[in-house]
Amino acid sequence: MTHERLTGTPLPIQNLHFGGLDGKVYDLKWDGNRRASPNDTLDPSILPGQDFALYLINSVKFHCGWLFNLFEEERFMEHFRLFHERPTEYPRVAPLWYVHYLLILAFGKAFVVQSTKSRRPPGGELFVQAMKLMPDFTFFEVDPVEQMQVLCCAALYLQCVDYLTQAYRLVCSALRHSLEHGMHTEMQSHSLDDNYVQRCRTFWWTVYILERQMVSQMGLPIGISDETISTRFPTFPGQPEKLEALKIQVSFCRVLAKIDQTVYGLEGKLDSRYLGATQSVLRSIATLGFLGRRHIYICFNIKYCIILTTRPLLYTFLLSRLGHLEVALMHWLQSESVKGLVQMCTESAQQILRILASLSDQGLLETFLRFDLDATFTATIVLLMAAAIDSSLLQDHTPWSQRAYAIFDEMSRRGNLVAEMLASELKQLEGLLSKFLVKDHEPRLAPSTNGHNTPRQGHADGMDTSTVNVAEYPEPFGLETTEDLGLGLNYELSAEQLMNVADSLDIDSLTWPWPDEGVASSGSPGA
C-alpha cells in the first residue's frame, strides 16, 4: 500500500516472503514421494556415533524441553540403548521409534550447526529419511502417545524451516488422533492405567500448544474450543518448575485463542465492538502477569499478546495516513482510551526488542525455533507503523529498527535464511515509509469535527494529519522501572496496571457516522 501510494503502481511481490515464498526459502530436496531408492535402506552408518547422538539429543532437551515434550526420556533412551546394541536389526524391530530417533537427530543438528548458507536446512537429510520411513497411520497399529510424539516432532521441524502449511497439516493430524483417544477428557475410566493417563495428559498439552501457536500464526480457526477440554495437567514429581512452565504456556495459548476469536474474529471490526473485545482480552492478558512478574518469559508473552490485540489500531491509522481510509479517522488519536492502547502497543514492541537484543548479547537468541524470529518481525513492523503515523508516538524509529536488524543479522549468520529475507523486506518498507513522510510534509488543512465528536468524511489529499498530535493528551497509564530482570529493561506494566487500563477503556471512543460498516481489522494475528 505504501508503494502504491508513492508510485501509483502495485508492489511486485513475486520475490517477497509474504508474497508466496513461504515454504520455498529452504529446500528439503524431497517431493513427498516415498518410492523406494537405495538411500532408503536402514543403514546406521549414515547416523552419528553414540556419543555425538547423545549430544544432539541433549541439545534438543535444552532448546525444546522447557516448552514441548517431544519424547519420553526414559522410554526413548531405553530404545536408544537397544538400538546401539543391534544397530542393523533394531530399526525393523521398532520402526516408529527409529523414525522418531531420526527426527530428534534432525532437530539436534539444527540446534548444533550454527552457520550454513545451504538451502537445505541442518538435519534436513535426517528429516527426509524419517518422513520416507513414516508409516501410514490409517492402518498402522501403534501406541497413540508415541504416534503423537512423532507427528509433533515432524510438525515443529517443518514450522521451523518455514513449511507452515505442511506443519499445520501434521499438527492437525496429531490433534485428531488425540481426540480420537479421548485425551482431551479427564480419562477417569477404571480400565485406564494411571501411567498411560499421565502420558496422555503430558502429550495432549504439547499438541494443544503447537496447534494454538500455528493457528494463531496462520490466522486459522482453532481445532477445539477450550470449553470442551476437561483433561487435567500431568504430574511431574520433583519437578514443580516444569509444571509451572506448562501452566504458563497453556495460559498464554488460551489468551492467543481469545485474541483470534474476538479481536480478529468474524466480528473483529474496528468500532465499539473492537474496544469491547480488547477490554476483555486485556483482562485475560493481565492474568498472565499475576503468574509472576519476574519470569522473563511471562513478560515477553504479555508484550506479544498486547501487540496482537492493539495492532489493528495502528494498521487503521496507517491506512488513514496513506489515504486508503478516511483521514478524519486520525481524530481517534484524541481519545485517551485509543491513544493509551496505541502507546501500549508501541512500548510493548520496544520492550520485546530490548529483551531479544539482550538475549542476543548473551548468546541465548533462538535461531531455529520460530518464536524469536516472529516476535522480532512483529515488533519491528509495529514501530515502523507508529513512526509513520505520528512522530509523537515514536520520534525516531531508527535506533529500534537498527536493533532489530542486528537481531536478524545474528539469526542469518547462524543459518536462518528466513531472517535475512524478512530483514530485507522490512528495510524496503522502512525506505518507502521514509519517502512517504518526506513527500507528505507540506502542511494542509486540519480535520474538522463539524461540531460533534465523530470524524467527518474526507481523504488524505487536502488534509493534514500531523496536526492531530497525541503528545498533548495526558498519559493514560504509568510505567514502572524493572532493572531486576537483569536485561536493562526500562518499561513494565504490572498486572494491576494492565487491569486498570482495561477497566478504564471507553468503548464508545470509536464512534463514527456509519456504525454498521466498521473498518476491518488487520488480518490474522500472526501476519
Protein backbone atom coordinates (compact mmCIF):
# COMPACT_ATOMS: atom_id res chain seq x y z
CA MET A 1 0.00 0.00 0.00
CA THR A 2 2.86 2.40 0.76
CA HIS A 3 4.50 1.55 -2.57
CA GLU A 4 1.21 2.10 -4.38
CA ARG A 5 0.70 5.47 -2.67
CA LEU A 6 4.18 6.64 -3.75
CA THR A 7 4.32 5.21 -7.26
CA GLY A 8 0.72 4.64 -8.25
CA THR A 9 1.53 1.03 -9.13
CA PRO A 10 1.15 -2.21 -7.14
CA LEU A 11 4.25 -3.62 -5.46
CA PRO A 12 5.74 -6.66 -7.27
CA ILE A 13 5.55 -9.41 -4.67
CA GLN A 14 6.93 -12.41 -6.55
CA ASN A 15 10.23 -12.37 -4.64
CA LEU A 16 8.82 -11.39 -1.27
CA HIS A 17 8.31 -13.79 1.62
CA PHE A 18 4.72 -12.77 2.27
CA GLY A 19 4.03 -12.87 -1.46
CA GLY A 20 4.29 -16.63 -1.72
CA LEU A 21 7.87 -17.59 -0.90
CA ASP A 22 6.96 -19.07 2.49
CA GLY A 23 7.72 -22.76 2.22
CA LYS A 24 10.20 -22.11 -0.59
CA VAL A 25 13.09 -20.47 1.25
CA TYR A 26 14.57 -23.81 2.31
CA ASP A 27 14.86 -26.81 0.03
CA LEU A 28 14.43 -30.21 1.68
CA LYS A 29 15.23 -31.86 -1.68
CA TRP A 30 12.18 -34.08 -1.42
CA ASP A 31 8.96 -34.09 -3.44
CA GLY A 32 6.93 -36.04 -0.88
CA ASN A 33 7.20 -39.39 -2.66
CA ARG A 34 8.10 -42.45 -0.59
CA ARG A 35 9.16 -44.57 -3.54
CA ALA A 36 11.98 -46.96 -2.78
CA SER A 37 15.51 -45.87 -3.56
CA PRO A 38 18.99 -47.01 -2.48
CA ASN A 39 19.05 -44.16 0.05
CA ASP A 40 16.02 -45.59 1.85
CA THR A 41 17.87 -48.56 3.33
CA LEU A 42 18.14 -48.62 7.11
CA ASP A 43 21.89 -48.18 7.07
CA PRO A 44 23.02 -46.97 10.52
CA SER A 45 26.42 -45.97 9.17
CA ILE A 46 24.96 -42.66 7.96
CA LEU A 47 23.96 -41.80 11.54
CA PRO A 48 26.14 -40.03 14.12
CA GLY A 49 28.03 -42.17 16.59
CA GLN A 50 26.59 -42.90 20.01
CA ASP A 51 28.37 -40.10 21.87
CA PHE A 52 27.55 -37.45 19.28
CA ALA A 53 23.97 -38.68 19.11
CA LEU A 54 23.69 -38.20 22.87
CA TYR A 55 24.98 -34.67 22.46
CA LEU A 56 22.34 -33.97 19.81
CA ILE A 57 19.57 -35.43 22.00
CA ASN A 58 20.66 -33.25 24.92
CA SER A 59 20.64 -30.21 22.64
CA VAL A 60 17.01 -30.91 21.81
CA LYS A 61 16.22 -31.20 25.53
CA PHE A 62 17.90 -27.87 26.21
CA HIS A 63 16.17 -25.95 23.42
CA CYS A 64 12.72 -27.59 23.47
CA GLY A 65 12.30 -29.28 26.84
CA TRP A 66 11.05 -26.16 28.62
CA LEU A 67 8.16 -25.83 26.17
CA PHE A 68 7.46 -29.07 24.32
CA ASN A 69 7.54 -32.71 25.38
CA LEU A 70 8.88 -34.22 22.18
CA PHE A 71 9.92 -37.56 23.65
CA GLU A 72 9.68 -39.54 26.89
CA GLU A 73 13.26 -39.64 28.02
CA GLU A 74 13.27 -42.93 29.92
CA ARG A 75 11.47 -44.89 27.20
CA PHE A 76 13.33 -43.17 24.39
CA MET A 77 16.76 -43.77 25.90
CA GLU A 78 16.00 -47.44 26.55
CA HIS A 79 15.28 -47.81 22.83
CA PHE A 80 18.47 -45.83 22.18
CA ARG A 81 20.48 -48.36 24.24
CA LEU A 82 18.95 -51.33 22.44
CA PHE A 83 19.49 -49.72 19.05
CA HIS A 84 23.21 -49.31 19.67
CA GLU A 85 23.43 -52.94 20.73
CA ARG A 86 21.85 -54.08 17.45
CA PRO A 87 22.04 -51.13 15.03
CA THR A 88 21.30 -53.18 11.93
CA GLU A 89 18.26 -55.12 13.16
CA TYR A 90 16.65 -52.74 15.64
CA PRO A 91 15.09 -50.28 13.14
CA ARG A 92 12.97 -53.20 11.90
CA VAL A 93 12.08 -54.24 15.46
CA ALA A 94 10.93 -50.73 16.43
CA PRO A 95 10.28 -48.89 13.13
CA LEU A 96 8.32 -45.96 14.61
CA TRP A 97 10.93 -45.34 17.29
CA TYR A 98 13.57 -45.26 14.54
CA VAL A 99 11.56 -42.59 12.70
CA HIS A 100 11.30 -40.70 15.99
CA TYR A 101 15.04 -41.05 16.51
CA LEU A 102 15.82 -39.62 13.07
CA LEU A 103 13.55 -36.63 13.77
CA ILE A 104 15.22 -35.91 17.12
CA LEU A 105 18.64 -36.13 15.47
CA ALA A 106 17.45 -33.72 12.76
CA PHE A 107 16.45 -31.24 15.46
CA GLY A 108 19.75 -31.76 17.25
CA LYS A 109 21.77 -30.98 14.13
CA ALA A 110 19.66 -27.87 13.52
CA PHE A 111 20.45 -26.61 17.02
CA VAL A 112 24.14 -27.51 16.93
CA VAL A 113 25.08 -26.37 13.41
CA GLN A 114 25.47 -22.63 13.90
CA SER A 115 26.27 -21.45 10.40
CA THR A 116 25.26 -22.63 6.96
CA LYS A 117 24.41 -20.99 3.66
CA SER A 118 22.95 -24.14 2.12
CA ARG A 119 19.28 -24.01 1.20
CA ARG A 120 18.93 -27.44 2.74
CA PRO A 121 18.40 -26.87 6.47
CA PRO A 122 20.65 -28.57 9.04
CA GLY A 123 19.32 -32.05 9.72
CA GLY A 124 17.29 -31.94 6.53
CA GLU A 125 18.63 -35.26 5.24
CA LEU A 126 17.67 -36.98 8.50
CA PHE A 127 14.23 -35.37 8.46
CA VAL A 128 13.53 -36.51 4.89
CA GLN A 129 14.69 -40.03 5.71
CA ALA A 130 12.31 -40.06 8.68
CA MET A 131 9.39 -38.86 6.56
CA LYS A 132 10.05 -41.51 3.92
CA LEU A 133 10.00 -44.19 6.60
CA MET A 134 6.99 -42.84 8.49
CA PRO A 135 4.14 -45.38 8.32
CA ASP A 136 0.60 -44.65 7.16
CA PHE A 137 -1.20 -44.36 10.49
CA THR A 138 -4.53 -45.28 8.91
CA PHE A 139 -3.72 -48.95 9.39
CA PHE A 140 -0.51 -48.92 11.42
CA GLU A 141 -1.21 -50.16 14.95
CA VAL A 142 0.91 -48.20 17.39
CA ASP A 143 0.98 -46.67 20.87
CA PRO A 144 -1.07 -43.44 20.38
CA VAL A 145 1.27 -41.42 22.59
CA GLU A 146 4.29 -42.39 20.51
CA GLN A 147 2.35 -41.56 17.36
CA MET A 148 1.61 -38.06 18.70
CA GLN A 149 5.26 -37.54 19.58
CA VAL A 150 6.37 -38.38 16.05
CA LEU A 151 3.75 -36.17 14.41
CA CYS A 152 4.56 -33.25 16.72
CA CYS A 153 8.29 -33.58 16.07
CA ALA A 154 7.73 -33.54 12.32
CA ALA A 155 5.28 -30.62 12.55
CA LEU A 156 7.61 -28.50 14.68
CA TYR A 157 10.59 -29.12 12.40
CA LEU A 158 8.55 -28.10 9.35
CA GLN A 159 7.39 -24.94 11.11
CA CYS A 160 11.00 -24.05 11.89
CA VAL A 161 12.06 -24.40 8.24
CA ASP A 162 9.12 -22.28 7.04
CA TYR A 163 6.88 -25.08 5.72
CA LEU A 164 3.93 -23.70 7.68
CA THR A 165 1.10 -25.30 5.71
CA GLN A 166 2.67 -28.74 5.90
CA ALA A 167 3.38 -28.28 9.60
CA TYR A 168 -0.24 -27.32 10.22
CA ARG A 169 -1.49 -30.46 8.47
CA LEU A 170 0.66 -32.68 10.68
CA VAL A 171 -0.27 -30.98 13.94
CA CYS A 172 -3.95 -31.22 12.95
CA SER A 173 -3.42 -34.93 12.36
CA ALA A 174 -1.91 -35.25 15.84
CA LEU A 175 -4.86 -33.33 17.30
CA ARG A 176 -7.41 -35.56 15.56
CA HIS A 177 -5.71 -38.72 16.77
CA SER A 178 -5.54 -37.39 20.34
CA LEU A 179 -9.26 -36.53 20.23
CA GLU A 180 -10.00 -39.99 18.89
CA HIS A 181 -8.36 -41.46 22.00
CA GLY A 182 -10.16 -39.07 24.35
CA MET A 183 -7.02 -37.32 25.55
CA HIS A 184 -8.90 -34.03 25.88
CA THR A 185 -11.13 -35.57 28.56
CA GLU A 186 -10.45 -36.38 32.19
CA MET A 187 -9.76 -40.06 31.26
CA GLN A 188 -11.09 -41.34 34.59
CA SER A 189 -12.12 -44.80 33.44
CA HIS A 190 -11.01 -47.60 35.79
CA SER A 191 -9.86 -49.56 32.75
CA LEU A 192 -7.16 -47.00 32.01
CA ASP A 193 -3.75 -47.44 33.60
CA ASP A 194 -2.66 -44.38 35.60
CA ASN A 195 0.73 -44.27 33.92
CA TYR A 196 -0.92 -44.27 30.49
CA VAL A 197 -3.25 -41.45 31.57
CA GLN A 198 -0.29 -39.35 32.75
CA ARG A 199 1.50 -39.93 29.45
CA CYS A 200 -1.62 -38.89 27.52
CA ARG A 201 -2.01 -35.73 29.59
CA THR A 202 1.63 -34.78 29.07
CA PHE A 203 1.49 -35.08 25.31
CA TRP A 204 -2.03 -33.72 24.94
CA TRP A 205 -0.77 -30.35 26.14
CA THR A 206 2.15 -30.44 23.70
CA VAL A 207 -0.31 -30.96 20.84
CA TYR A 208 -2.54 -28.22 22.25
CA ILE A 209 0.29 -25.68 22.48
CA LEU A 210 1.58 -26.45 18.99
CA GLU A 211 -1.88 -26.25 17.45
CA ARG A 212 -2.73 -22.97 19.17
CA GLN A 213 0.53 -21.37 18.10
CA MET A 214 0.20 -22.48 14.48
CA VAL A 215 -3.42 -21.40 14.02
CA SER A 216 -2.55 -18.01 15.52
CA GLN A 217 0.43 -17.66 13.21
CA MET A 218 -1.65 -18.55 10.16
CA GLY A 219 -4.88 -16.80 11.14
CA LEU A 220 -6.96 -20.00 11.14
CA PRO A 221 -9.78 -21.16 13.45
CA ILE A 222 -8.83 -23.33 16.40
CA GLY A 223 -9.39 -27.08 16.14
CA ILE A 224 -11.06 -27.49 19.54
CA SER A 225 -12.53 -24.92 21.91
CA ASP A 226 -11.26 -24.63 25.47
CA GLU A 227 -14.78 -25.24 26.77
CA THR A 228 -14.67 -28.83 25.51
CA ILE A 229 -11.31 -29.64 27.12
CA SER A 230 -11.51 -31.20 30.57
CA THR A 231 -8.21 -33.03 30.84
CA ARG A 232 -6.01 -32.17 33.79
CA PHE A 233 -2.38 -31.20 33.86
CA PRO A 234 0.09 -34.07 34.26
CA THR A 235 2.06 -34.53 37.43
CA PHE A 236 5.82 -34.04 37.33
CA PRO A 237 7.07 -35.47 40.64
CA GLY A 238 10.05 -33.50 41.91
CA GLN A 239 9.79 -31.01 39.01
CA PRO A 240 7.40 -28.24 40.14
CA GLU A 241 9.05 -25.73 37.82
CA LYS A 242 8.19 -27.91 34.82
CA LEU A 243 4.52 -27.94 35.77
CA GLU A 244 4.57 -24.19 36.34
CA ALA A 245 6.11 -23.60 32.90
CA LEU A 246 3.44 -25.78 31.28
CA LYS A 247 0.62 -23.91 33.02
CA ILE A 248 2.08 -20.56 31.95
CA GLN A 249 2.32 -21.66 28.33
CA VAL A 250 -1.22 -23.05 28.30
CA SER A 251 -2.50 -19.78 29.78
CA PHE A 252 -0.66 -17.90 27.05
CA CYS A 253 -2.23 -20.12 24.38
CA ARG A 254 -5.70 -19.53 25.81
CA VAL A 255 -5.15 -15.80 25.52
CA LEU A 256 -3.95 -16.26 21.92
CA ALA A 257 -7.14 -18.15 21.12
CA LYS A 258 -9.23 -15.39 22.67
CA ILE A 259 -7.42 -12.77 20.58
CA ASP A 260 -8.00 -14.85 17.44
CA GLN A 261 -11.69 -15.35 18.15
CA THR A 262 -12.61 -11.83 19.28
CA VAL A 263 -10.16 -9.21 18.02
CA TYR A 264 -9.55 -11.00 14.70
CA GLY A 265 -12.79 -12.98 14.55
CA LEU A 266 -15.79 -12.59 12.28
CA GLU A 267 -16.91 -9.61 14.32
CA GLY A 268 -13.40 -8.15 14.55
CA LYS A 269 -14.29 -4.73 13.15
CA LEU A 270 -12.77 -1.51 14.34
CA ASP A 271 -15.67 0.08 16.18
CA SER A 272 -17.03 -0.13 19.70
CA ARG A 273 -17.12 -3.92 19.39
CA TYR A 274 -13.36 -3.91 18.85
CA LEU A 275 -12.75 -1.94 22.03
CA GLY A 276 -15.10 -4.23 23.93
CA ALA A 277 -13.15 -7.26 22.70
CA THR A 278 -9.88 -5.51 23.51
CA GLN A 279 -11.06 -4.73 27.01
CA SER A 280 -11.89 -8.40 27.61
CA VAL A 281 -8.60 -9.62 26.13
CA LEU A 282 -6.51 -7.17 28.15
CA ARG A 283 -8.10 -8.51 31.32
CA SER A 284 -7.11 -12.02 30.23
CA ILE A 285 -3.57 -10.83 29.44
CA ALA A 286 -3.38 -9.28 32.91
CA THR A 287 -3.97 -12.71 34.43
CA LEU A 288 -0.67 -13.81 32.88
CA GLY A 289 1.05 -11.09 34.87
CA PHE A 290 -0.36 -12.45 38.10
CA LEU A 291 1.54 -15.70 37.40
CA GLY A 292 4.83 -14.00 38.23
CA ARG A 293 6.23 -10.69 37.00
CA ARG A 294 9.87 -11.68 37.39
CA HIS A 295 9.59 -14.50 34.88
CA ILE A 296 11.07 -13.06 31.68
CA TYR A 297 9.08 -15.49 29.52
CA ILE A 298 5.83 -14.17 31.03
CA CYS A 299 6.92 -10.59 30.39
CA PHE A 300 7.73 -11.45 26.78
CA ASN A 301 4.39 -13.18 26.17
CA ILE A 302 2.41 -10.36 27.77
CA LYS A 303 4.05 -7.85 25.45
CA TYR A 304 3.46 -10.07 22.43
CA CYS A 305 -0.24 -10.51 23.28
CA ILE A 306 -0.64 -6.76 23.82
CA ILE A 307 0.78 -6.13 20.34
CA LEU A 308 -1.53 -8.67 18.69
CA THR A 309 -4.52 -7.14 20.47
CA THR A 310 -3.80 -3.46 19.79
CA ARG A 311 -2.09 -3.66 16.40
CA PRO A 312 -5.34 -3.23 14.38
CA LEU A 313 -5.48 0.37 15.61
CA LEU A 314 -2.02 1.13 14.25
CA TYR A 315 -2.89 -0.55 10.97
CA THR A 316 -6.05 1.55 10.65
CA PHE A 317 -4.20 4.78 11.37
CA LEU A 318 -1.53 3.88 8.80
CA LEU A 319 -4.23 3.25 6.20
CA SER A 320 -5.66 6.66 7.03
CA ARG A 321 -2.24 8.33 6.66
CA LEU A 322 -1.76 6.64 3.30
CA GLY A 323 -5.17 7.77 2.09
CA HIS A 324 -6.73 4.30 1.90
CA LEU A 325 -9.24 5.24 4.64
CA GLU A 326 -10.84 8.48 5.75
CA VAL A 327 -8.14 10.80 7.07
CA ALA A 328 -10.53 12.04 9.74
CA LEU A 329 -10.08 8.69 11.46
CA MET A 330 -6.83 10.14 12.80
CA HIS A 331 -9.09 12.15 15.11
CA TRP A 332 -9.49 8.93 17.13
CA LEU A 333 -5.99 9.54 18.47
CA GLN A 334 -7.51 12.34 20.56
CA SER A 335 -9.37 9.71 22.57
CA GLU A 336 -7.49 8.93 25.77
CA SER A 337 -8.50 5.26 25.52
CA VAL A 338 -7.36 4.87 21.91
CA LYS A 339 -4.17 6.82 22.48
CA GLY A 340 -3.36 4.67 25.52
CA LEU A 341 -3.76 1.47 23.51
CA VAL A 342 -1.55 2.75 20.70
CA GLN A 343 1.15 3.81 23.14
CA MET A 344 0.94 0.49 24.93
CA CYS A 345 1.38 -1.32 21.60
CA THR A 346 4.42 0.79 20.72
CA GLU A 347 6.07 0.40 24.11
CA SER A 348 5.42 -3.37 24.10
CA ALA A 349 7.23 -3.60 20.75
CA GLN A 350 10.17 -1.69 22.20
CA GLN A 351 10.23 -4.00 25.22
CA ILE A 352 10.31 -7.09 23.03
CA LEU A 353 13.27 -5.77 21.07
CA ARG A 354 15.08 -4.93 24.30
CA ILE A 355 14.60 -8.47 25.57
CA LEU A 356 15.69 -10.07 22.29
CA ALA A 357 18.73 -7.80 21.96
CA SER A 358 19.80 -8.71 25.48
CA LEU A 359 19.34 -12.42 24.77
CA SER A 360 21.42 -11.98 21.63
CA ASP A 361 24.19 -10.28 23.60
CA GLN A 362 24.24 -13.26 25.98
CA GLY A 363 24.28 -15.82 23.16
CA LEU A 364 20.78 -17.02 24.08
CA LEU A 365 18.88 -15.91 20.99
CA GLU A 366 16.87 -18.76 19.49
CA THR A 367 17.63 -19.02 15.79
CA PHE A 368 15.94 -22.27 14.72
CA LEU A 369 12.65 -22.29 16.60
CA ARG A 370 10.35 -19.59 15.17
CA PHE A 371 9.42 -17.65 18.31
CA ASP A 372 12.20 -15.06 18.39
CA LEU A 373 12.11 -14.58 14.62
CA ASP A 374 8.36 -13.93 14.54
CA ALA A 375 8.50 -11.67 17.59
CA THR A 376 11.30 -9.56 16.07
CA PHE A 377 9.35 -9.10 12.85
CA THR A 378 6.10 -8.30 14.66
CA ALA A 379 7.72 -5.73 16.96
CA THR A 380 9.67 -4.03 14.17
CA ILE A 381 6.73 -3.54 11.85
CA VAL A 382 4.73 -2.04 14.74
CA LEU A 383 7.45 0.55 15.36
CA LEU A 384 7.76 1.42 11.67
CA MET A 385 4.00 1.99 11.52
CA ALA A 386 3.97 4.07 14.71
CA ALA A 387 6.72 6.40 13.45
CA ALA A 388 4.88 6.88 10.15
CA ILE A 389 1.53 7.58 11.82
CA ASP A 390 2.58 10.34 14.20
CA SER A 391 6.00 11.47 15.39
CA SER A 392 4.72 11.87 18.95
CA LEU A 393 4.08 8.13 19.10
CA LEU A 394 7.71 7.45 18.18
CA GLN A 395 10.04 10.35 17.49
CA ASP A 396 12.73 8.28 15.76
CA HIS A 397 12.36 4.61 14.89
CA THR A 398 15.94 4.29 13.63
CA PRO A 399 17.56 3.06 16.90
CA TRP A 400 14.85 0.42 17.16
CA SER A 401 14.98 -0.73 13.56
CA GLN A 402 18.78 -0.95 13.76
CA ARG A 403 18.47 -3.06 16.87
CA ALA A 404 16.02 -5.33 15.07
CA TYR A 405 18.27 -5.65 12.02
CA ALA A 406 21.17 -6.63 14.32
CA ILE A 407 18.96 -9.41 15.72
CA PHE A 408 18.06 -10.57 12.21
CA ASP A 409 21.75 -10.45 11.22
CA GLU A 410 22.65 -12.69 14.14
CA MET A 411 19.98 -15.18 13.10
CA SER A 412 21.16 -15.01 9.50
CA ARG A 413 24.79 -15.63 10.48
CA ARG A 414 23.62 -18.74 12.27
CA GLY A 415 21.93 -20.10 9.17
CA ASN A 416 18.37 -18.74 9.33
CA LEU A 417 17.55 -17.89 5.72
CA VAL A 418 14.09 -16.54 6.55
CA ALA A 419 15.60 -13.92 8.89
CA GLU A 420 17.69 -12.49 6.06
CA MET A 421 14.63 -12.24 3.81
CA LEU A 422 12.39 -10.64 6.45
CA ALA A 423 15.06 -8.06 7.31
CA SER A 424 15.36 -7.13 3.64
CA GLU A 425 11.60 -6.66 3.33
CA LEU A 426 11.42 -4.55 6.49
CA LYS A 427 14.22 -2.31 5.16
CA GLN A 428 12.27 -1.92 1.95
CA LEU A 429 9.15 -0.91 3.92
CA GLU A 430 11.22 1.47 6.06
CA GLY A 431 12.57 3.17 2.95
CA LEU A 432 9.12 3.52 1.41
CA LEU A 433 7.63 5.00 4.59
CA SER A 434 10.54 7.45 4.86
CA LYS A 435 9.91 8.64 1.29
CA PHE A 436 6.21 8.98 2.06
CA LEU A 437 6.89 11.12 5.13
CA VAL A 438 9.23 13.39 3.17
CA LYS A 439 6.67 13.76 0.39
CA ASP A 440 3.85 14.35 2.83
CA HIS A 441 5.49 17.04 4.96
CA GLU A 442 3.71 20.04 3.48
CA PRO A 443 1.10 21.50 5.90
CA ARG A 444 -2.51 21.11 4.82
CA LEU A 445 -5.94 21.77 6.28
CA ALA A 446 -6.72 20.33 9.70
CA PRO A 447 -9.65 17.91 10.08
CA SER A 448 -12.87 19.34 11.46
CA THR A 449 -15.39 17.63 13.71
CA ASN A 450 -18.29 19.76 12.38
CA GLY A 451 -19.48 20.40 15.91
CA HIS A 452 -19.71 16.81 17.11
CA ASN A 453 -17.35 14.12 18.27
CA THR A 454 -17.34 11.96 15.15
CA PRO A 455 -14.85 12.02 12.25
CA ARG A 456 -16.10 13.65 9.10
CA GLN A 457 -15.55 12.15 5.68
CA GLY A 458 -12.57 13.22 3.61
CA HIS A 459 -9.50 11.63 2.06
CA ALA A 460 -5.84 12.23 2.76
CA ASP A 461 -5.34 14.66 -0.10
CA GLY A 462 -6.05 18.13 1.23
CA MET A 463 -5.89 17.31 4.94
CA ASP A 464 -3.06 17.50 7.47
CA THR A 465 -2.90 14.56 9.83
CA SER A 466 0.19 15.92 11.51
CA THR A 467 -1.97 18.41 13.43
CA VAL A 468 -3.52 15.55 15.36
CA ASN A 469 -0.74 15.27 17.92
CA VAL A 470 -1.20 12.69 20.63
CA ALA A 471 1.51 14.27 22.78
CA GLU A 472 -0.87 16.94 24.05
CA TYR A 473 -3.05 14.44 25.88
CA PRO A 474 -2.34 13.17 29.40
CA GLU A 475 -0.64 9.82 29.92
CA PRO A 476 -3.31 7.13 30.40
CA PHE A 477 -1.13 4.88 32.49
CA GLY A 478 2.15 4.83 34.36
CA LEU A 479 5.11 2.59 33.66
CA GLU A 480 7.43 1.16 36.27
CA THR A 481 11.17 0.59 36.01
CA THR A 482 12.30 -3.02 36.20
CA GLU A 483 16.02 -3.50 36.44
CA ASP A 484 15.63 -6.69 38.47
CA LEU A 485 15.29 -8.83 35.33
CA GLY A 486 18.95 -8.19 34.56
CA LEU A 487 18.17 -7.25 30.99
CA GLY A 488 18.38 -3.47 31.18
CA LEU A 489 14.65 -3.10 30.54
CA ASN A 490 13.04 0.28 31.04
CA TYR A 491 9.30 -0.29 30.98
CA GLU A 492 6.97 -2.74 32.62
CA LEU A 493 3.24 -2.72 33.21
CA SER A 494 2.19 -4.59 36.30
CA ALA A 495 -0.80 -6.92 36.13
CA GLU A 496 -2.76 -4.46 38.25
CA GLN A 497 -1.94 -1.56 35.91
CA LEU A 498 -2.92 -3.59 32.87
CA MET A 499 -6.22 -4.47 34.53
CA ASN A 500 -6.77 -0.78 35.29
CA VAL A 501 -6.12 0.11 31.64
CA ALA A 502 -8.71 -2.46 30.57
CA ASP A 503 -11.25 -1.16 33.10
CA SER A 504 -10.71 2.46 32.03
CA LEU A 505 -11.36 1.91 28.31
CA ASP A 506 -14.20 3.94 26.90
CA ILE A 507 -15.77 1.52 24.45
CA ASP A 508 -17.60 4.40 22.75
CA SER A 509 -14.28 6.01 21.72
CA LEU A 510 -14.60 4.65 18.18
CA THR A 511 -17.95 6.27 17.43
CA TRP A 512 -18.49 7.05 13.80
CA PRO A 513 -21.25 8.01 11.40
CA TRP A 514 -21.56 4.60 9.74
CA PRO A 515 -21.70 2.11 12.66
CA ASP A 516 -22.74 -0.86 10.55
CA GLU A 517 -19.62 -0.80 8.37
CA GLY A 518 -16.65 -0.92 10.71
CA VAL A 519 -13.08 -0.89 9.47
CA ALA A 520 -11.89 -4.47 9.15
CA SER A 521 -9.04 -5.41 11.46
CA SER A 522 -5.60 -6.23 10.12
CA GLY A 523 -5.97 -9.85 9.15
CA SER A 524 -4.51 -12.75 11.09
CA PRO A 525 -2.72 -12.11 14.40
CA GLY A 526 0.41 -13.86 13.25
CA ALA A 527 0.68 -11.94 9.99
